[in-house]
PDB file of N, CA and C in Angstrom:
ATOM      1  N   MET A   1       0.789  -1.129  -0.022  1.00  0.00           N
ATOM      2  CA  MET A   1       0.006   0.013  -0.027  1.00  0.00           C
ATOM      3  C   MET A   1       0.835   1.308   0.016  1.00  0.00           C
ATOM      4  N   GLN A   2       2.019   1.195   0.702  1.00  0.00           N
ATOM      5  CA  GLN A   2       2.842   2.413   0.760  1.00  0.00           C
ATOM      6  C   GLN A   2       3.244   2.966  -0.558  1.00  0.00           C
ATOM      7  N   LYS A   3       3.433   1.996  -1.605  1.00  0.00           N
ATOM      8  CA  LYS A   3       3.949   2.561  -2.891  1.00  0.00           C
ATOM      9  C   LYS A   3       2.831   3.411  -3.562  1.00  0.00           C
ATOM     10  N   PHE A   4       1.598   3.291  -3.186  1.00  0.00           N
ATOM     11  CA  PHE A   4       0.530   4.130  -3.693  1.00  0.00           C
ATOM     12  C   PHE A   4       0.350   5.418  -2.940  1.00  0.00           C
ATOM     13  N   LEU A   5       1.041   5.558  -1.838  1.00  0.00           N
ATOM     14  CA  LEU A   5       0.848   6.752  -0.936  1.00  0.00           C
ATOM     15  C   LEU A   5       2.110   7.693  -1.052  1.00  0.00           C
ATOM     16  N   GLY A   6       3.044   7.245  -1.962  1.00  0.00           N
ATOM     17  CA  GLY A   6       4.278   8.048  -2.035  1.00  0.00           C
ATOM     18  C   GLY A   6       4.222   9.430  -2.501  1.00  0.00           C
ATOM     19  N   GLY A   7       3.377   9.883  -3.354  1.00  0.00           N
ATOM     20  CA  GLY A   7       3.432  11.116  -3.956  1.00  0.00           C
ATOM     21  C   GLY A   7       2.450  12.097  -3.291  1.00  0.00           C
ATOM     22  N   ILE A   8       1.896  11.654  -2.102  1.00  0.00           N
ATOM     23  CA  ILE A   8       0.912  12.605  -1.422  1.00  0.00           C
ATOM     24  C   ILE A   8       1.615  13.567  -0.614  1.00  0.00           C
ATOM     25  N   ASP A   9       1.122  14.845  -0.654  1.00  0.00           N
ATOM     26  CA  ASP A   9       1.530  15.980   0.193  1.00  0.00           C
ATOM     27  C   ASP A   9       0.644  15.860   1.574  1.00  0.00           C
ATOM     28  N   TYR A  10       1.271  15.771   2.616  1.00  0.00           N
ATOM     29  CA  TYR A  10       0.558  15.739   3.878  1.00  0.00           C
ATOM     30  C   TYR A  10       0.640  17.086   4.637  1.00  0.00           C
ATOM     31  N   PRO A  11      -0.357  17.409   5.432  1.00  0.00           N
ATOM     32  CA  PRO A  11      -1.530  16.535   5.655  1.00  0.00           C
ATOM     33  C   PRO A  11      -2.465  16.454   4.530  1.00  0.00           C
ATOM     34  N   ALA A  12      -3.147  15.215   4.502  1.00  0.00           N
ATOM     35  CA  ALA A  12      -4.097  14.973   3.358  1.00  0.00           C
ATOM     36  C   ALA A  12      -5.365  14.344   3.910  1.00  0.00           C
ATOM     37  N   SER A  13      -6.443  14.755   3.195  1.00  0.00           N
ATOM     38  CA  SER A  13      -7.703  14.213   3.467  1.00  0.00           C
ATOM     39  C   SER A  13      -7.938  12.815   2.998  1.00  0.00           C
ATOM     40  N   LYS A  14      -8.928  12.145   3.464  1.00  0.00           N
ATOM     41  CA  LYS A  14      -9.278  10.822   2.913  1.00  0.00           C
ATOM     42  C   LYS A  14      -9.407  10.793   1.493  1.00  0.00           C
ATOM     43  N   GLU A  15     -10.161  11.834   1.013  1.00  0.00           N
ATOM     44  CA  GLU A  15     -10.533  11.948  -0.446  1.00  0.00           C
ATOM     45  C   GLU A  15      -9.199  12.200  -1.245  1.00  0.00           C
ATOM     46  N   ASP A  16      -8.286  12.947  -0.701  1.00  0.00           N
ATOM     47  CA  ASP A  16      -6.940  13.154  -1.454  1.00  0.00           C
ATOM     48  C   ASP A  16      -6.248  11.820  -1.483  1.00  0.00           C
ATOM     49  N   ILE A  17      -6.242  11.128  -0.384  1.00  0.00           N
ATOM     50  CA  ILE A  17      -5.488   9.854  -0.349  1.00  0.00           C
ATOM     51  C   ILE A  17      -6.096   8.858  -1.433  1.00  0.00           C
ATOM     52  N   LEU A  18      -7.428   8.772  -1.427  1.00  0.00           N
ATOM     53  CA  LEU A  18      -8.113   7.877  -2.407  1.00  0.00           C
ATOM     54  C   LEU A  18      -7.759   8.272  -3.807  1.00  0.00           C
ATOM     55  N   ALA A  19      -7.796   9.538  -4.034  1.00  0.00           N
ATOM     56  CA  ALA A  19      -7.622  10.040  -5.471  1.00  0.00           C
ATOM     57  C   ALA A  19      -6.163   9.675  -5.844  1.00  0.00           C
ATOM     58  N   SER A  20      -5.260  10.084  -5.034  1.00  0.00           N
ATOM     59  CA  SER A  20      -3.770   9.870  -5.224  1.00  0.00           C
ATOM     60  C   SER A  20      -3.543   8.284  -5.578  1.00  0.00           C
ATOM     61  N   ALA A  21      -4.040   7.459  -4.658  1.00  0.00           N
ATOM     62  CA  ALA A  21      -3.934   6.045  -4.808  1.00  0.00           C
ATOM     63  C   ALA A  21      -4.481   5.601  -6.153  1.00  0.00           C
ATOM     64  N   ARG A  22      -5.699   6.025  -6.467  1.00  0.00           N
ATOM     65  CA  ARG A  22      -6.320   5.609  -7.749  1.00  0.00           C
ATOM     66  C   ARG A  22      -5.457   6.051  -8.980  1.00  0.00           C
ATOM     67  N   ASP A  23      -4.939   7.265  -8.939  1.00  0.00           N
ATOM     68  CA  ASP A  23      -4.090   7.920  -9.943  1.00  0.00           C
ATOM     69  C   ASP A  23      -2.734   7.034 -10.013  1.00  0.00           C
ATOM     70  N   ALA A  24      -2.316   6.507  -8.943  1.00  0.00           N
ATOM     71  CA  ALA A  24      -1.081   5.708  -8.876  1.00  0.00           C
ATOM     72  C   ALA A  24      -1.259   4.281  -9.324  1.00  0.00           C
ATOM     73  N   GLY A  25      -2.624   3.910  -9.725  1.00  0.00           N
ATOM     74  CA  GLY A  25      -2.833   2.605 -10.176  1.00  0.00           C
ATOM     75  C   GLY A  25      -3.185   1.520  -9.078  1.00  0.00           C
ATOM     76  N   ALA A  26      -3.557   1.950  -7.959  1.00  0.00           N
ATOM     77  CA  ALA A  26      -3.923   0.948  -6.886  1.00  0.00           C
ATOM     78  C   ALA A  26      -5.038   0.117  -7.341  1.00  0.00           C
ATOM     79  N   ASP A  27      -4.954  -1.155  -6.946  1.00  0.00           N
ATOM     80  CA  ASP A  27      -6.020  -2.134  -7.221  1.00  0.00           C
ATOM     81  C   ASP A  27      -7.254  -2.050  -6.399  1.00  0.00           C
ATOM     82  N   ASP A  28      -8.244  -2.763  -6.641  1.00  0.00           N
ATOM     83  CA  ASP A  28      -9.443  -2.694  -5.876  1.00  0.00           C
ATOM     84  C   ASP A  28      -9.335  -2.936  -4.412  1.00  0.00           C
ATOM     85  N   ALA A  29      -8.437  -3.865  -4.129  1.00  0.00           N
ATOM     86  CA  ALA A  29      -8.238  -4.199  -2.689  1.00  0.00           C
ATOM     87  C   ALA A  29      -7.734  -3.026  -1.889  1.00  0.00           C
ATOM     88  N   VAL A  30      -6.789  -2.365  -2.490  1.00  0.00           N
ATOM     89  CA  VAL A  30      -6.161  -1.197  -1.831  1.00  0.00           C
ATOM     90  C   VAL A  30      -7.248  -0.153  -1.647  1.00  0.00           C
ATOM     91  N   LEU A  31      -7.909   0.159  -2.785  1.00  0.00           N
ATOM     92  CA  LEU A  31      -8.924   1.239  -2.701  1.00  0.00           C
ATOM     93  C   LEU A  31     -10.051   0.906  -1.779  1.00  0.00           C
ATOM     94  N   ASP A  32     -10.396  -0.373  -1.555  1.00  0.00           N
ATOM     95  CA  ASP A  32     -11.432  -0.749  -0.671  1.00  0.00           C
ATOM     96  C   ASP A  32     -10.938  -0.531   0.795  1.00  0.00           C
ATOM     97  N   ALA A  33      -9.668  -0.816   0.960  1.00  0.00           N
ATOM     98  CA  ALA A  33      -9.102  -0.641   2.350  1.00  0.00           C
ATOM     99  C   ALA A  33      -9.001   0.853   2.697  1.00  0.00           C
ATOM    100  N   LEU A  34      -8.609   1.600   1.752  1.00  0.00           N
ATOM    101  CA  LEU A  34      -8.501   3.038   1.939  1.00  0.00           C
ATOM    102  C   LEU A  34      -9.995   3.676   2.083  1.00  0.00           C
ATOM    103  N   GLY A  35     -10.893   3.057   1.417  1.00  0.00           N
ATOM    104  CA  GLY A  35     -12.245   3.569   1.569  1.00  0.00           C
ATOM    105  C   GLY A  35     -12.936   3.369   2.941  1.00  0.00           C
ATOM    106  N   ARG A  36     -12.334   2.445   3.722  1.00  0.00           N
ATOM    107  CA  ARG A  36     -12.853   2.137   5.076  1.00  0.00           C
ATOM    108  C   ARG A  36     -12.159   3.005   6.222  1.00  0.00           C
ATOM    109  N   ILE A  37     -11.174   3.769   5.837  1.00  0.00           N
ATOM    110  CA  ILE A  37     -10.542   4.607   6.827  1.00  0.00           C
ATOM    111  C   ILE A  37     -11.409   5.746   7.288  1.00  0.00           C
ATOM    112  N   PRO A  38     -11.327   6.262   8.524  1.00  0.00           N
ATOM    113  CA  PRO A  38     -12.212   7.445   8.858  1.00  0.00           C
ATOM    114  C   PRO A  38     -11.907   8.657   8.041  1.00  0.00           C
ATOM    115  N   ASP A  39     -12.936   9.425   7.841  1.00  0.00           N
ATOM    116  CA  ASP A  39     -12.872  10.701   7.098  1.00  0.00           C
ATOM    117  C   ASP A  39     -12.261  11.828   7.855  1.00  0.00           C
ATOM    118  N   ARG A  40     -10.978  11.998   7.748  1.00  0.00           N
ATOM    119  CA  ARG A  40     -10.295  13.036   8.472  1.00  0.00           C
ATOM    120  C   ARG A  40      -8.907  13.334   7.819  1.00  0.00           C
ATOM    121  N   GLU A  41      -8.217  14.204   8.395  1.00  0.00           N
ATOM    122  CA  GLU A  41      -6.871  14.484   7.890  1.00  0.00           C
ATOM    123  C   GLU A  41      -5.859  13.643   8.360  1.00  0.00           C
ATOM    124  N   TYR A  42      -4.931  13.253   7.633  1.00  0.00           N
ATOM    125  CA  TYR A  42      -3.817  12.288   7.823  1.00  0.00           C
ATOM    126  C   TYR A  42      -2.449  13.169   7.728  1.00  0.00           C
ATOM    127  N   ASP A  43      -1.596  12.946   8.717  1.00  0.00           N
ATOM    128  CA  ASP A  43      -0.442  13.748   8.721  1.00  0.00           C
ATOM    129  C   ASP A  43       0.758  13.003   8.174  1.00  0.00           C
ATOM    130  N   ALA A  44       0.750  11.717   7.794  1.00  0.00           N
ATOM    131  CA  ALA A  44       1.804  10.902   7.405  1.00  0.00           C
ATOM    132  C   ALA A  44       1.393   9.583   6.769  1.00  0.00           C
ATOM    133  N   PRO A  45       2.180   8.971   5.941  1.00  0.00           N
ATOM    134  CA  PRO A  45       1.762   7.622   5.433  1.00  0.00           C
ATOM    135  C   PRO A  45       1.578   6.616   6.533  1.00  0.00           C
ATOM    136  N   THR A  46       2.296   6.729   7.622  1.00  0.00           N
ATOM    137  CA  THR A  46       2.206   5.748   8.847  1.00  0.00           C
ATOM    138  C   THR A  46       0.840   5.960   9.424  1.00  0.00           C
ATOM    139  N   ALA A  47       0.280   7.182   9.452  1.00  0.00           N
ATOM    140  CA  ALA A  47      -1.066   7.392  10.044  1.00  0.00           C
ATOM    141  C   ALA A  47      -2.166   6.727   9.091  1.00  0.00           C
ATOM    142  N   VAL A  48      -1.860   6.765   7.838  1.00  0.00           N
ATOM    143  CA  VAL A  48      -2.936   6.160   6.852  1.00  0.00           C
ATOM    144  C   VAL A  48      -2.812   4.582   7.025  1.00  0.00           C
ATOM    145  N   SER A  49      -1.609   4.110   7.144  1.00  0.00           N
ATOM    146  CA  SER A  49      -1.347   2.618   7.382  1.00  0.00           C
ATOM    147  C   SER A  49      -2.069   2.090   8.805  1.00  0.00           C
ATOM    148  N   SER A  50      -1.907   2.926   9.692  1.00  0.00           N
ATOM    149  CA  SER A  50      -2.514   2.612  11.034  1.00  0.00           C
ATOM    150  C   SER A  50      -4.007   2.648  10.945  1.00  0.00           C
ATOM    151  N   ALA A  51      -4.492   3.615  10.273  1.00  0.00           N
ATOM    152  CA  ALA A  51      -5.973   3.663  10.136  1.00  0.00           C
ATOM    153  C   ALA A  51      -6.550   2.565   9.307  1.00  0.00           C
ATOM    154  N   VAL A  52      -5.820   2.132   8.239  1.00  0.00           N
ATOM    155  CA  VAL A  52      -6.304   0.941   7.588  1.00  0.00           C
ATOM    156  C   VAL A  52      -6.335  -0.371   8.421  1.00  0.00           C
ATOM    157  N   SER A  53      -5.236  -0.500   9.166  1.00  0.00           N
ATOM    158  CA  SER A  53      -5.187  -1.634  10.156  1.00  0.00           C
ATOM    159  C   SER A  53      -6.370  -1.618  11.117  1.00  0.00           C
ATOM    160  N   ASP A  54      -6.595  -0.474  11.628  1.00  0.00           N
ATOM    161  CA  ASP A  54      -7.716  -0.392  12.599  1.00  0.00           C
ATOM    162  C   ASP A  54      -9.107  -0.561  12.136  1.00  0.00           C
ATOM    163  N   ALA A  55      -9.160  -0.201  10.747  1.00  0.00           N
ATOM    164  CA  ALA A  55     -10.550  -0.314  10.073  1.00  0.00           C
ATOM    165  C   ALA A  55     -10.910  -1.764   9.643  1.00  0.00           C
ATOM    166  N   GLN A  56      -9.979  -2.659   9.695  1.00  0.00           N
ATOM    167  CA  GLN A  56     -10.189  -3.996   9.170  1.00  0.00           C
ATOM    168  C   GLN A  56     -10.896  -4.836  10.157  1.00  0.00           C
TER     169      GLN A  56
END
Protein backbone atom coordinates (compact mmCIF):
# COMPACT_ATOMS: atom_id res chain seq x y z
CA MET A 1 0.00 0.00 0.00
CA GLN A 2 2.83 2.42 0.79
CA LYS A 3 3.89 2.56 -2.87
CA PHE A 4 0.51 4.13 -3.70
CA LEU A 5 0.88 6.75 -0.96
CA GLY A 6 4.32 7.99 -2.02
CA GLY A 7 3.39 11.12 -3.93
CA ILE A 8 0.91 12.56 -1.46
CA ASP A 9 1.53 15.90 0.24
CA TYR A 10 0.59 15.69 3.91
CA PRO A 11 -1.56 16.59 5.69
CA ALA A 12 -4.05 14.94 3.33
CA SER A 13 -7.75 14.21 3.53
CA LYS A 14 -9.24 10.78 2.96
CA GLU A 15 -10.49 11.98 -0.44
CA ASP A 16 -6.99 13.21 -1.40
CA ILE A 17 -5.51 9.87 -0.38
CA LEU A 18 -8.08 7.89 -2.37
CA ALA A 19 -7.60 10.07 -5.45
CA SER A 20 -3.81 9.79 -5.30
CA ALA A 21 -3.93 6.02 -4.84
CA ARG A 22 -6.36 5.71 -7.76
CA ASP A 23 -4.08 7.85 -9.94
CA ALA A 24 -1.08 5.71 -8.93
CA GLY A 25 -2.83 2.58 -10.18
CA ALA A 26 -3.92 1.05 -6.88
CA ASP A 27 -5.99 -2.12 -7.25
CA ASP A 28 -9.49 -2.63 -5.89
CA ALA A 29 -8.25 -4.24 -2.66
CA VAL A 30 -6.15 -1.19 -1.80
CA LEU A 31 -8.93 1.24 -2.75
CA ASP A 32 -11.44 -0.75 -0.66
CA ALA A 33 -9.09 -0.68 2.34
CA LEU A 34 -8.55 3.07 1.98
CA GLY A 35 -12.29 3.57 1.57
CA ARG A 36 -12.82 2.16 5.08
CA ILE A 37 -10.53 4.61 6.89
CA PRO A 38 -12.14 7.43 8.90
CA ASP A 39 -12.87 10.66 7.03
CA ARG A 40 -10.25 12.99 8.53
CA GLU A 41 -6.89 14.60 7.82
CA TYR A 42 -3.82 12.33 7.91
CA ASP A 43 -0.39 13.74 8.66
CA ALA A 44 1.84 10.93 7.35
CA PRO A 45 1.77 7.63 5.46
CA THR A 46 2.17 5.79 8.75
CA ALA A 47 -1.06 7.38 10.01
CA VAL A 48 -2.87 6.09 6.92
CA SER A 49 -1.44 2.59 7.39
CA SER A 50 -2.47 2.60 11.04
CA ALA A 51 -6.01 3.70 10.12
CA VAL A 52 -6.24 0.93 7.52
CA SER A 53 -5.17 -1.64 10.12
CA ASP A 54 -7.69 -0.32 12.64
CA ALA A 55 -10.52 -0.32 10.08
CA GLN A 56 -10.17 -4.00 9.19
